[in-house]
Structure formats: C-alpha cells, structure tokens
C-alpha cells in the first residue's frame, strides 16, 4: 500500500533518484549555474555533451549526473537555484540536502527513524546495520521496496550514508560517529518557503 497522504503514489516517488548519486556537490553548482542561463535545448546539449562541463570520462556518466541534478533542483525554482549558486559552503551543502530529501523522502525517513533515534538514545555512532534494519522495517510499510535487487538496496544505503557524511552528520562511512548539525538561518527560511517546516527538526535531529 503506497502512502498517498505524503504524495507517494509509486515507490519511485519514495526513493526518487537516490540511486543516481549522493550530494553531487561540485556537479550541482555547475549545473545550477548553467540552468540559470535558460539556454535553448541545443545549446544545453552542447554544454553537457560536446563541452563536457562536468568533466566526466563518458557521455553516459555525464548525462546521468545531469539528469539526477536537474530532477532534484529544477522543480524547486529559479530562486532556489540562484541560492545554490550564491550560498556559502555550509548553507550550500544544507540546501543540497533539502533538495535530496524533497526528491527522495526515503532519506528523510532514514534521518527521522534511524539517525535521530540513535542520537536520542545517546548512541555515539550510527550502527553499522542501521540501513539494513531501516530498509526491512520500511519494506513492511512499502512492500514494493522488496522489488529492488540486493545490489540496488546496498547502493541506496551507500549513497545515504555518504550524504550524511558529506553534510556533516557522520564522521565517515566506517566509524559513523554522530555529529551535531545546526541549520543555517537561510536554510530554515527555504524550508518555510517550501512549507516544509517539519524538516527543520529532522535536519537538526531534535525529534
């Protein structure tokens, strides 16, 4: 049964494009700057494919990253993309996380149900089995999660942990020491603009 109350009508709405990458920090700023130019499609393709603005080894990889990034940020509007381009590094990382959480609610739930719970119970580290445990529980709520292969499930978990490391919640992918994170004021403002004040507690792990 898909949870329509959250706008999740298909399991792809829940997972989003998480399999496509973690925060894609350097790549997103480049793509945001390019999207703000509102180029015709042929000029856009020239940038991505011919000029290889992401400097990837293959067109396939570059195209995949571009698709993932556009999916995450384009629907959030021109002003949001402008904020990505002009933000300080700390705010920029947090805004990227906002985009990921909105696009992939499974990340929000992992932070809410696993990361915040570990912090609430004073665990110094996120357990090594946190993703597997979370995924098994969520599979009961969203049975379609069972349709993913083991390799895909593992990749999703790897990307989630990497996202939390890059955004400052965990020390690294191995030890997973939990660090406190405080949202920048401008990030809170964006969450209010998106009518997602609920994510403030999630992102600060103060549930």
N, C-alpha and C. Protein backbone atom coordinates (compact mmCIF):
# COMPACT_ATOMS: atom_id res chain seq x y z
N UNK A 1 0.85 -1.19 0.00
CA UNK A 1 0.00 0.00 0.00
C UNK A 1 0.89 1.25 0.00
N UNK A 2 0.73 2.07 -1.01
CA UNK A 2 1.52 3.30 -1.10
C UNK A 2 0.84 4.40 -0.30
N UNK A 3 1.64 5.18 0.40
CA UNK A 3 1.13 6.24 1.27
C UNK A 3 0.79 7.48 0.45
N UNK A 4 -0.44 7.59 -0.02
CA UNK A 4 -0.85 8.72 -0.85
C UNK A 4 -0.91 10.02 -0.05
N UNK A 5 -1.04 9.93 1.28
CA UNK A 5 -1.13 11.14 2.10
C UNK A 5 0.14 11.96 2.03
N UNK A 6 1.26 11.33 1.68
CA UNK A 6 2.53 12.05 1.55
C UNK A 6 2.84 12.34 0.09
N UNK A 7 1.87 12.08 -0.78
CA UNK A 7 2.11 12.31 -2.20
C UNK A 7 2.91 11.18 -2.82
N UNK A 8 3.00 10.04 -2.11
CA UNK A 8 3.75 8.89 -2.61
C UNK A 8 2.77 7.90 -3.22
N UNK A 9 2.64 7.92 -4.52
CA UNK A 9 1.70 7.06 -5.22
C UNK A 9 2.43 5.88 -5.88
N UNK A 10 3.72 5.94 -5.91
CA UNK A 10 4.54 4.92 -6.55
C UNK A 10 5.84 4.86 -5.76
N UNK A 11 6.41 3.68 -5.64
CA UNK A 11 7.63 3.55 -4.84
C UNK A 11 8.75 4.44 -5.36
N UNK A 12 8.69 4.77 -6.66
CA UNK A 12 9.70 5.66 -7.23
C UNK A 12 9.58 7.07 -6.67
N UNK A 13 8.38 7.44 -6.22
CA UNK A 13 8.21 8.74 -5.57
C UNK A 13 8.92 8.76 -4.22
N UNK A 14 9.02 7.59 -3.59
CA UNK A 14 9.64 7.48 -2.27
C UNK A 14 11.16 7.44 -2.36
N UNK A 15 11.65 6.66 -3.29
CA UNK A 15 13.10 6.51 -3.45
C UNK A 15 13.70 7.65 -4.26
N UNK A 16 12.92 8.18 -5.20
CA UNK A 16 13.42 9.27 -6.05
C UNK A 16 14.62 8.82 -6.87
N UNK A 17 15.59 9.72 -7.00
CA UNK A 17 16.77 9.44 -7.82
C UNK A 17 17.98 9.10 -6.97
N UNK A 18 17.74 8.57 -5.78
CA UNK A 18 18.83 8.31 -4.83
C UNK A 18 19.90 7.40 -5.40
N UNK A 19 19.51 6.46 -6.24
CA UNK A 19 20.48 5.54 -6.83
C UNK A 19 21.47 6.28 -7.72
N UNK A 20 21.09 7.47 -8.20
CA UNK A 20 21.93 8.21 -9.15
C UNK A 20 23.13 8.90 -8.55
N UNK A 21 23.18 9.04 -7.23
CA UNK A 21 24.34 9.70 -6.62
C UNK A 21 24.01 10.26 -5.26
N UNK A 22 25.04 10.73 -4.55
CA UNK A 22 24.83 11.31 -3.22
C UNK A 22 24.51 12.79 -3.36
N UNK A 23 25.32 13.67 -2.79
CA UNK A 23 25.01 15.10 -2.88
C UNK A 23 25.47 15.73 -4.20
N UNK A 24 26.45 15.12 -4.86
CA UNK A 24 26.97 15.66 -6.12
C UNK A 24 27.30 17.15 -5.96
N UNK A 25 28.17 17.42 -5.02
CA UNK A 25 28.44 18.79 -4.58
C UNK A 25 28.99 19.67 -5.70
N UNK A 26 30.10 19.28 -6.28
CA UNK A 26 30.72 20.11 -7.32
C UNK A 26 29.85 20.17 -8.56
N UNK A 27 29.26 19.04 -8.93
CA UNK A 27 28.47 18.96 -10.15
C UNK A 27 27.21 19.81 -10.09
N UNK A 28 26.57 19.85 -8.92
CA UNK A 28 25.30 20.57 -8.82
C UNK A 28 25.49 22.07 -9.01
N UNK A 29 26.56 22.62 -8.48
CA UNK A 29 26.77 24.06 -8.65
C UNK A 29 26.97 24.40 -10.12
N UNK A 30 27.69 23.55 -10.83
CA UNK A 30 27.92 23.78 -12.27
C UNK A 30 26.61 23.72 -13.03
N UNK A 31 25.80 22.72 -12.74
CA UNK A 31 24.53 22.56 -13.45
C UNK A 31 23.56 23.69 -13.09
N UNK A 32 23.53 24.08 -11.82
CA UNK A 32 22.65 25.18 -11.40
C UNK A 32 23.00 26.46 -12.15
N UNK A 33 24.30 26.75 -12.24
CA UNK A 33 24.73 27.95 -12.97
C UNK A 33 24.30 27.89 -14.43
N UNK A 34 24.40 26.71 -15.03
CA UNK A 34 24.03 26.54 -16.43
C UNK A 34 22.52 26.67 -16.63
N UNK A 35 21.75 26.08 -15.72
CA UNK A 35 20.29 26.15 -15.84
C UNK A 35 19.77 27.57 -15.71
N UNK A 36 20.44 28.35 -14.90
CA UNK A 36 20.02 29.74 -14.70
C UNK A 36 20.16 30.57 -15.98
N UNK A 37 20.97 30.12 -16.89
CA UNK A 37 21.14 30.83 -18.17
C UNK A 37 19.97 30.59 -19.11
N UNK A 38 19.14 29.59 -18.79
CA UNK A 38 17.95 29.25 -19.58
C UNK A 38 18.27 29.15 -21.07
N UNK A 39 19.24 28.33 -21.36
CA UNK A 39 19.69 28.15 -22.73
C UNK A 39 18.70 27.30 -23.54
N UNK A 40 18.67 27.51 -24.87
CA UNK A 40 17.88 26.61 -25.73
C UNK A 40 18.41 25.19 -25.59
N UNK A 41 17.56 24.21 -25.89
CA UNK A 41 17.93 22.81 -25.66
C UNK A 41 19.19 22.41 -26.43
N UNK A 42 19.35 22.91 -27.64
CA UNK A 42 20.54 22.52 -28.42
C UNK A 42 21.82 23.06 -27.79
N UNK A 43 21.76 24.29 -27.26
CA UNK A 43 22.94 24.85 -26.60
C UNK A 43 23.22 24.12 -25.28
N UNK A 44 22.14 23.71 -24.62
CA UNK A 44 22.29 22.96 -23.37
C UNK A 44 22.99 21.63 -23.63
N UNK A 45 22.54 20.92 -24.65
CA UNK A 45 23.16 19.65 -25.00
C UNK A 45 24.62 19.84 -25.40
N UNK A 46 24.91 20.94 -26.05
CA UNK A 46 26.29 21.24 -26.43
C UNK A 46 27.17 21.39 -25.19
N UNK A 47 26.64 22.06 -24.19
CA UNK A 47 27.39 22.24 -22.94
C UNK A 47 27.66 20.90 -22.27
N UNK A 48 26.62 20.09 -22.18
CA UNK A 48 26.71 18.83 -21.44
C UNK A 48 27.54 17.80 -22.19
N UNK A 49 27.27 17.64 -23.48
CA UNK A 49 27.89 16.56 -24.24
C UNK A 49 29.18 16.99 -24.94
N UNK A 50 29.12 18.03 -25.72
CA UNK A 50 30.29 18.43 -26.51
C UNK A 50 31.36 19.10 -25.65
N UNK A 51 30.93 20.04 -24.81
CA UNK A 51 31.90 20.73 -23.97
C UNK A 51 32.21 19.96 -22.68
N UNK A 52 31.35 19.00 -22.36
CA UNK A 52 31.57 18.14 -21.18
C UNK A 52 31.84 18.97 -19.92
N UNK A 53 30.88 19.83 -19.59
CA UNK A 53 31.09 20.78 -18.49
C UNK A 53 31.32 20.10 -17.15
N UNK A 54 30.88 18.84 -17.01
CA UNK A 54 31.11 18.14 -15.75
C UNK A 54 32.44 17.40 -15.72
N UNK A 55 33.13 17.41 -16.87
CA UNK A 55 34.46 16.78 -16.96
C UNK A 55 34.43 15.31 -16.53
N UNK A 56 33.46 14.57 -17.05
CA UNK A 56 33.38 13.14 -16.77
C UNK A 56 34.01 12.35 -17.92
N UNK A 57 34.36 11.11 -17.63
CA UNK A 57 35.08 10.30 -18.61
C UNK A 57 34.18 9.81 -19.75
N UNK A 58 32.87 9.74 -19.50
CA UNK A 58 31.97 9.26 -20.55
C UNK A 58 30.73 10.13 -20.63
N UNK A 59 30.14 10.17 -21.81
CA UNK A 59 28.90 10.92 -22.01
C UNK A 59 27.78 10.31 -21.16
N UNK A 60 27.80 8.99 -21.03
CA UNK A 60 26.78 8.30 -20.24
C UNK A 60 26.79 8.75 -18.80
N UNK A 61 27.98 8.83 -18.19
CA UNK A 61 28.10 9.27 -16.81
C UNK A 61 27.67 10.71 -16.65
N UNK A 62 28.15 11.56 -17.55
CA UNK A 62 27.80 12.97 -17.50
C UNK A 62 26.30 13.17 -17.63
N UNK A 63 25.68 12.47 -18.58
CA UNK A 63 24.24 12.60 -18.81
C UNK A 63 23.45 12.12 -17.59
N UNK A 64 23.94 11.06 -16.94
CA UNK A 64 23.25 10.55 -15.75
C UNK A 64 23.28 11.57 -14.62
N UNK A 65 24.44 12.15 -14.38
CA UNK A 65 24.54 13.16 -13.33
C UNK A 65 23.67 14.37 -13.63
N UNK A 66 23.67 14.79 -14.87
CA UNK A 66 22.86 15.95 -15.25
C UNK A 66 21.38 15.65 -15.01
N UNK A 67 20.95 14.46 -15.40
CA UNK A 67 19.55 14.08 -15.22
C UNK A 67 19.19 14.08 -13.73
N UNK A 68 20.04 13.50 -12.91
CA UNK A 68 19.79 13.43 -11.47
C UNK A 68 19.70 14.83 -10.87
N UNK A 69 20.65 15.67 -11.20
CA UNK A 69 20.70 17.02 -10.63
C UNK A 69 19.51 17.85 -11.08
N UNK A 70 19.16 17.78 -12.35
CA UNK A 70 18.00 18.54 -12.83
C UNK A 70 16.72 18.10 -12.12
N UNK A 71 16.59 16.80 -11.92
CA UNK A 71 15.42 16.28 -11.23
C UNK A 71 15.33 16.84 -9.81
N UNK A 72 16.48 16.96 -9.16
CA UNK A 72 16.50 17.42 -7.77
C UNK A 72 16.23 18.91 -7.62
N UNK A 73 16.79 19.72 -8.50
CA UNK A 73 16.77 21.17 -8.23
C UNK A 73 15.87 21.98 -9.14
N UNK A 74 15.63 21.50 -10.36
CA UNK A 74 14.92 22.35 -11.31
C UNK A 74 13.50 22.66 -10.86
N UNK A 75 12.83 21.65 -10.28
CA UNK A 75 11.46 21.84 -9.84
C UNK A 75 11.32 22.73 -8.62
N UNK A 76 12.44 23.03 -7.96
CA UNK A 76 12.39 23.90 -6.78
C UNK A 76 12.47 25.37 -7.14
N UNK A 77 12.66 25.67 -8.41
CA UNK A 77 12.55 27.06 -8.87
C UNK A 77 13.86 27.79 -9.09
N UNK A 78 13.75 28.85 -9.87
CA UNK A 78 14.91 29.67 -10.21
C UNK A 78 15.55 30.30 -8.99
N UNK A 79 14.74 30.78 -8.06
CA UNK A 79 15.28 31.44 -6.86
C UNK A 79 16.11 30.46 -6.03
N UNK A 80 15.64 29.23 -5.95
CA UNK A 80 16.38 28.22 -5.19
C UNK A 80 17.71 27.93 -5.87
N UNK A 81 17.69 27.81 -7.19
CA UNK A 81 18.93 27.55 -7.90
C UNK A 81 19.90 28.72 -7.76
N UNK A 82 19.37 29.93 -7.74
CA UNK A 82 20.22 31.11 -7.52
C UNK A 82 20.85 31.05 -6.13
N UNK A 83 20.06 30.60 -5.16
CA UNK A 83 20.58 30.47 -3.79
C UNK A 83 21.70 29.44 -3.74
N UNK A 84 21.56 28.35 -4.49
CA UNK A 84 22.61 27.34 -4.53
C UNK A 84 23.92 27.94 -5.04
N UNK A 85 23.80 28.76 -6.07
CA UNK A 85 24.99 29.34 -6.71
C UNK A 85 25.69 30.36 -5.81
N UNK A 86 24.91 31.09 -5.03
CA UNK A 86 25.47 32.20 -4.25
C UNK A 86 25.70 31.89 -2.77
N UNK A 87 25.23 30.75 -2.29
CA UNK A 87 25.32 30.44 -0.86
C UNK A 87 26.75 30.17 -0.42
N UNK A 88 26.99 30.37 0.87
CA UNK A 88 28.25 29.96 1.47
C UNK A 88 28.31 28.43 1.44
N UNK A 89 29.50 27.89 1.62
CA UNK A 89 29.67 26.44 1.51
C UNK A 89 28.76 25.66 2.45
N UNK A 90 28.64 26.10 3.69
CA UNK A 90 27.83 25.38 4.68
C UNK A 90 26.35 25.39 4.29
N UNK A 91 25.86 26.57 3.93
CA UNK A 91 24.45 26.67 3.53
C UNK A 91 24.21 25.90 2.24
N UNK A 92 25.17 25.93 1.34
CA UNK A 92 25.05 25.23 0.07
C UNK A 92 24.85 23.73 0.29
N UNK A 93 25.67 23.14 1.15
CA UNK A 93 25.56 21.71 1.45
C UNK A 93 24.19 21.40 2.04
N UNK A 94 23.73 22.24 2.95
CA UNK A 94 22.43 22.00 3.58
C UNK A 94 21.29 22.15 2.58
N UNK A 95 21.41 23.08 1.65
CA UNK A 95 20.38 23.24 0.63
C UNK A 95 20.36 22.04 -0.32
N UNK A 96 21.53 21.49 -0.60
CA UNK A 96 21.58 20.28 -1.41
C UNK A 96 20.85 19.14 -0.70
N UNK A 97 21.04 19.05 0.61
CA UNK A 97 20.36 18.01 1.37
C UNK A 97 18.85 18.21 1.34
N UNK A 98 18.42 19.46 1.43
CA UNK A 98 16.99 19.77 1.32
C UNK A 98 16.44 19.23 0.00
N UNK A 99 17.16 19.51 -1.08
CA UNK A 99 16.72 19.06 -2.40
C UNK A 99 16.64 17.53 -2.47
N UNK A 100 17.62 16.86 -1.88
CA UNK A 100 17.63 15.40 -1.88
C UNK A 100 16.45 14.86 -1.08
N UNK A 101 16.20 15.44 0.09
CA UNK A 101 15.12 14.94 0.95
C UNK A 101 13.75 15.14 0.32
N UNK A 102 13.56 16.26 -0.36
CA UNK A 102 12.28 16.51 -1.02
C UNK A 102 12.09 15.55 -2.18
N UNK A 103 13.16 15.28 -2.91
CA UNK A 103 13.09 14.39 -4.06
C UNK A 103 13.04 12.92 -3.66
N UNK A 104 13.68 12.58 -2.54
CA UNK A 104 13.76 11.19 -2.09
C UNK A 104 13.35 11.11 -0.62
N UNK A 105 12.05 11.03 -0.34
CA UNK A 105 11.58 11.01 1.05
C UNK A 105 12.15 9.87 1.88
N UNK A 106 12.69 8.85 1.24
CA UNK A 106 13.30 7.76 1.99
C UNK A 106 14.49 8.27 2.82
N UNK A 107 15.16 9.32 2.33
CA UNK A 107 16.28 9.91 3.08
C UNK A 107 15.75 10.60 4.33
N UNK A 108 14.66 11.33 4.16
CA UNK A 108 14.02 11.98 5.31
C UNK A 108 13.66 10.94 6.37
N UNK A 109 13.06 9.84 5.95
CA UNK A 109 12.64 8.83 6.92
C UNK A 109 13.84 8.16 7.60
N UNK A 110 14.92 7.96 6.87
CA UNK A 110 16.11 7.37 7.49
C UNK A 110 16.67 8.31 8.55
N UNK A 111 16.68 9.59 8.25
CA UNK A 111 17.18 10.55 9.23
C UNK A 111 16.24 10.62 10.43
N UNK A 112 14.95 10.54 10.16
CA UNK A 112 13.97 10.64 11.24
C UNK A 112 13.96 9.39 12.12
N UNK A 113 13.97 8.22 11.49
CA UNK A 113 13.77 6.97 12.20
C UNK A 113 15.06 6.31 12.68
N UNK A 114 16.18 6.59 12.01
CA UNK A 114 17.44 5.93 12.38
C UNK A 114 18.46 6.88 12.99
N UNK A 115 18.78 7.94 12.27
CA UNK A 115 19.79 8.87 12.77
C UNK A 115 19.32 9.60 14.02
N UNK A 116 18.13 10.19 13.97
CA UNK A 116 17.61 10.94 15.13
C UNK A 116 17.40 10.02 16.32
N UNK A 117 16.96 8.77 16.06
CA UNK A 117 16.74 7.81 17.14
C UNK A 117 18.06 7.43 17.81
N UNK A 118 19.10 7.25 17.00
CA UNK A 118 20.42 6.93 17.57
C UNK A 118 20.91 8.09 18.44
N UNK A 119 20.67 9.31 17.95
CA UNK A 119 21.10 10.47 18.73
C UNK A 119 20.26 10.61 20.00
N UNK A 120 18.96 10.35 19.89
CA UNK A 120 18.06 10.49 21.03
C UNK A 120 18.42 9.51 22.14
N UNK A 121 18.89 8.33 21.75
CA UNK A 121 19.25 7.31 22.74
C UNK A 121 20.74 7.36 23.09
N UNK A 122 21.36 8.47 22.75
CA UNK A 122 22.75 8.77 23.14
C UNK A 122 23.76 7.77 22.59
N UNK A 123 23.48 7.22 21.43
CA UNK A 123 24.48 6.37 20.78
C UNK A 123 25.54 7.27 20.14
N UNK A 124 26.82 7.02 20.38
CA UNK A 124 27.86 7.86 19.79
C UNK A 124 28.05 7.61 18.30
N UNK A 125 27.64 6.43 17.85
CA UNK A 125 27.81 6.05 16.44
C UNK A 125 26.51 5.52 15.88
N UNK A 126 26.33 5.74 14.60
CA UNK A 126 25.21 5.12 13.91
C UNK A 126 25.55 3.65 13.69
N UNK A 127 24.71 2.72 14.12
CA UNK A 127 25.03 1.29 13.98
C UNK A 127 25.33 0.90 12.53
N UNK A 128 26.22 -0.06 12.37
CA UNK A 128 26.60 -0.50 11.02
C UNK A 128 25.43 -1.14 10.28
N UNK A 129 24.45 -1.64 11.05
CA UNK A 129 23.29 -2.28 10.44
C UNK A 129 22.11 -1.33 10.27
N UNK A 130 22.34 -0.05 10.50
CA UNK A 130 21.23 0.92 10.51
C UNK A 130 20.42 0.90 9.21
N UNK A 131 21.12 0.91 8.07
CA UNK A 131 20.40 0.94 6.80
C UNK A 131 19.61 -0.35 6.58
N UNK A 132 20.24 -1.49 6.81
CA UNK A 132 19.56 -2.77 6.61
C UNK A 132 18.33 -2.88 7.52
N UNK A 133 18.48 -2.47 8.78
CA UNK A 133 17.37 -2.53 9.73
C UNK A 133 16.24 -1.61 9.28
N UNK A 134 16.61 -0.40 8.89
CA UNK A 134 15.62 0.58 8.42
C UNK A 134 14.89 0.06 7.19
N UNK A 135 15.64 -0.49 6.26
CA UNK A 135 15.05 -0.92 5.00
C UNK A 135 14.06 -2.07 5.23
N UNK A 136 14.39 -2.97 6.12
CA UNK A 136 13.49 -4.08 6.42
C UNK A 136 12.18 -3.57 7.01
N UNK A 137 12.28 -2.61 7.91
CA UNK A 137 11.07 -2.05 8.53
C UNK A 137 10.23 -1.30 7.49
N UNK A 138 10.88 -0.49 6.67
CA UNK A 138 10.14 0.28 5.66
C UNK A 138 9.54 -0.63 4.60
N UNK A 139 10.14 -1.78 4.37
CA UNK A 139 9.60 -2.72 3.39
C UNK A 139 8.24 -3.27 3.83
N UNK A 140 8.01 -3.27 5.13
CA UNK A 140 6.70 -3.70 5.63
C UNK A 140 5.64 -2.64 5.32
N UNK A 141 6.06 -1.38 5.37
CA UNK A 141 5.15 -0.27 5.08
C UNK A 141 4.98 -0.08 3.59
N UNK A 142 6.11 -0.21 2.85
CA UNK A 142 6.10 -0.06 1.39
C UNK A 142 6.61 -1.36 0.77
N UNK A 143 5.74 -2.35 0.61
CA UNK A 143 6.17 -3.67 0.10
C UNK A 143 6.92 -3.61 -1.23
N UNK A 144 6.65 -2.59 -2.04
CA UNK A 144 7.33 -2.50 -3.34
C UNK A 144 8.83 -2.30 -3.19
N UNK A 145 9.29 -1.92 -2.00
CA UNK A 145 10.72 -1.81 -1.77
C UNK A 145 11.41 -3.17 -1.94
N UNK A 146 10.64 -4.24 -1.77
CA UNK A 146 11.20 -5.58 -1.92
C UNK A 146 11.51 -5.92 -3.37
N UNK A 147 11.04 -5.08 -4.29
CA UNK A 147 11.27 -5.35 -5.71
C UNK A 147 12.68 -4.98 -6.15
N UNK A 148 13.38 -4.20 -5.33
CA UNK A 148 14.73 -3.81 -5.69
C UNK A 148 15.71 -4.95 -5.43
N UNK A 149 16.73 -5.04 -6.26
CA UNK A 149 17.74 -6.08 -6.09
C UNK A 149 18.62 -5.77 -4.88
N UNK A 150 19.31 -6.77 -4.40
CA UNK A 150 20.20 -6.58 -3.25
C UNK A 150 21.28 -5.55 -3.56
N UNK A 151 21.79 -5.58 -4.79
CA UNK A 151 22.84 -4.62 -5.15
C UNK A 151 22.31 -3.20 -5.16
N UNK A 152 21.06 -3.02 -5.61
CA UNK A 152 20.47 -1.68 -5.62
C UNK A 152 20.22 -1.20 -4.20
N UNK A 153 19.71 -2.08 -3.35
CA UNK A 153 19.46 -1.72 -1.95
C UNK A 153 20.76 -1.30 -1.28
N UNK A 154 21.82 -2.05 -1.54
CA UNK A 154 23.13 -1.72 -0.97
C UNK A 154 23.62 -0.37 -1.48
N UNK A 155 23.44 -0.12 -2.78
CA UNK A 155 23.87 1.15 -3.36
C UNK A 155 23.08 2.31 -2.77
N UNK A 156 21.78 2.13 -2.58
CA UNK A 156 20.96 3.17 -1.95
C UNK A 156 21.50 3.50 -0.56
N UNK A 157 21.80 2.44 0.20
CA UNK A 157 22.33 2.65 1.55
C UNK A 157 23.68 3.35 1.54
N UNK A 158 24.53 2.96 0.60
CA UNK A 158 25.85 3.60 0.47
C UNK A 158 25.69 5.08 0.19
N UNK A 159 24.76 5.43 -0.69
CA UNK A 159 24.55 6.84 -1.02
C UNK A 159 23.97 7.62 0.16
N UNK A 160 23.07 6.99 0.91
CA UNK A 160 22.50 7.67 2.09
C UNK A 160 23.59 7.97 3.11
N UNK A 161 24.42 6.99 3.40
CA UNK A 161 25.50 7.21 4.38
C UNK A 161 26.47 8.27 3.87
N UNK A 162 26.79 8.22 2.59
CA UNK A 162 27.69 9.22 2.01
C UNK A 162 27.09 10.61 2.12
N UNK A 163 25.80 10.72 1.89
CA UNK A 163 25.11 12.01 2.03
C UNK A 163 25.25 12.54 3.45
N UNK A 164 25.07 11.67 4.42
CA UNK A 164 25.16 12.09 5.82
C UNK A 164 26.59 12.46 6.21
N UNK A 165 27.57 11.79 5.62
CA UNK A 165 28.96 12.15 5.87
C UNK A 165 29.27 13.52 5.25
N UNK A 166 28.89 13.69 4.00
CA UNK A 166 29.19 14.95 3.29
C UNK A 166 28.47 16.15 3.91
N UNK A 167 27.31 15.90 4.50
CA UNK A 167 26.56 17.01 5.09
C UNK A 167 26.84 17.20 6.57
N UNK A 168 27.82 16.43 7.09
CA UNK A 168 28.33 16.70 8.43
C UNK A 168 27.67 15.98 9.57
N UNK A 169 26.78 15.03 9.29
CA UNK A 169 26.10 14.30 10.35
C UNK A 169 26.92 13.14 10.88
N UNK A 170 27.76 12.56 10.02
CA UNK A 170 28.57 11.42 10.41
C UNK A 170 30.04 11.71 10.11
N UNK A 171 30.91 11.12 10.91
CA UNK A 171 32.35 11.36 10.75
C UNK A 171 32.88 10.79 9.45
N UNK A 172 32.50 9.56 9.14
CA UNK A 172 32.93 8.87 7.93
C UNK A 172 32.05 7.65 7.75
N UNK A 173 32.24 6.95 6.64
CA UNK A 173 31.36 5.83 6.32
C UNK A 173 31.65 4.59 7.16
N UNK A 174 32.82 4.53 7.80
CA UNK A 174 33.19 3.34 8.57
C UNK A 174 32.83 3.49 10.04
N UNK A 175 33.37 4.51 10.70
CA UNK A 175 33.10 4.69 12.13
C UNK A 175 31.70 5.24 12.39
N UNK A 176 31.26 6.14 11.55
CA UNK A 176 29.91 6.72 11.64
C UNK A 176 29.63 7.42 12.96
N UNK A 177 30.64 8.14 13.48
CA UNK A 177 30.40 8.94 14.68
C UNK A 177 29.37 10.00 14.36
N UNK A 178 28.43 10.22 15.26
CA UNK A 178 27.33 11.15 15.03
C UNK A 178 27.74 12.55 15.51
N UNK A 179 27.61 13.52 14.62
CA UNK A 179 27.94 14.90 14.94
C UNK A 179 26.66 15.75 14.98
N UNK A 180 26.65 16.79 15.83
CA UNK A 180 25.50 17.71 15.82
C UNK A 180 25.56 18.62 14.60
N UNK A 181 24.41 18.92 14.05
CA UNK A 181 24.31 19.82 12.90
C UNK A 181 23.27 20.89 13.20
N UNK A 182 23.63 22.14 12.95
CA UNK A 182 22.72 23.25 13.16
C UNK A 182 22.45 23.92 11.82
N UNK A 183 21.18 24.11 11.53
CA UNK A 183 20.81 24.67 10.24
C UNK A 183 21.12 26.16 10.15
N UNK A 184 21.60 26.56 8.99
CA UNK A 184 21.81 27.98 8.73
C UNK A 184 20.45 28.67 8.62
N UNK A 185 20.35 29.93 9.06
CA UNK A 185 19.06 30.65 9.02
C UNK A 185 18.44 30.66 7.63
N UNK A 186 19.25 30.83 6.58
CA UNK A 186 18.69 30.89 5.23
C UNK A 186 18.11 29.55 4.80
N UNK A 187 18.66 28.46 5.35
CA UNK A 187 18.12 27.14 5.02
C UNK A 187 16.76 26.96 5.68
N UNK A 188 16.63 27.41 6.91
CA UNK A 188 15.33 27.36 7.58
C UNK A 188 14.31 28.19 6.82
N UNK A 189 14.74 29.33 6.31
CA UNK A 189 13.84 30.18 5.53
C UNK A 189 13.34 29.46 4.29
N UNK A 190 14.23 28.72 3.64
CA UNK A 190 13.81 27.98 2.45
C UNK A 190 12.84 26.87 2.81
N UNK A 191 13.04 26.20 3.90
CA UNK A 191 12.11 25.16 4.33
C UNK A 191 10.73 25.75 4.61
N UNK A 192 10.70 26.94 5.18
CA UNK A 192 9.42 27.61 5.42
C UNK A 192 8.77 28.00 4.09
N UNK A 193 9.57 28.46 3.14
CA UNK A 193 9.04 28.83 1.82
C UNK A 193 8.45 27.63 1.11
N UNK A 194 9.05 26.46 1.33
CA UNK A 194 8.56 25.24 0.71
C UNK A 194 7.42 24.61 1.52
N UNK A 195 7.03 25.26 2.61
CA UNK A 195 6.02 24.72 3.53
C UNK A 195 6.46 23.37 4.08
N UNK A 196 7.75 23.26 4.38
CA UNK A 196 8.32 22.04 4.94
C UNK A 196 9.04 22.35 6.25
N UNK A 197 8.36 23.08 7.12
CA UNK A 197 8.94 23.37 8.43
C UNK A 197 9.20 22.09 9.21
N UNK A 198 8.47 21.02 8.87
CA UNK A 198 8.67 19.73 9.54
C UNK A 198 10.09 19.19 9.35
N UNK A 199 10.75 19.61 8.27
CA UNK A 199 12.10 19.11 8.02
C UNK A 199 13.16 19.78 8.88
N UNK A 200 12.80 20.88 9.54
CA UNK A 200 13.78 21.55 10.41
C UNK A 200 14.18 20.61 11.54
N UNK A 201 13.20 20.00 12.19
CA UNK A 201 13.50 19.07 13.27
C UNK A 201 14.24 17.84 12.76
N UNK A 202 13.87 17.40 11.58
CA UNK A 202 14.55 16.23 11.00
C UNK A 202 16.02 16.54 10.75
N UNK A 203 16.28 17.69 10.16
CA UNK A 203 17.65 18.04 9.80
C UNK A 203 18.50 18.40 11.01
N UNK A 204 17.86 18.83 12.09
CA UNK A 204 18.62 19.13 13.30
C UNK A 204 18.57 17.97 14.29
N UNK A 205 17.89 16.88 13.91
CA UNK A 205 17.79 15.68 14.76
C UNK A 205 17.29 16.02 16.15
N UNK A 206 16.26 16.87 16.22
CA UNK A 206 15.71 17.26 17.52
C UNK A 206 14.30 16.70 17.70
N UNK A 207 14.01 15.61 17.04
CA UNK A 207 12.67 15.00 17.13
C UNK A 207 12.42 14.43 18.51
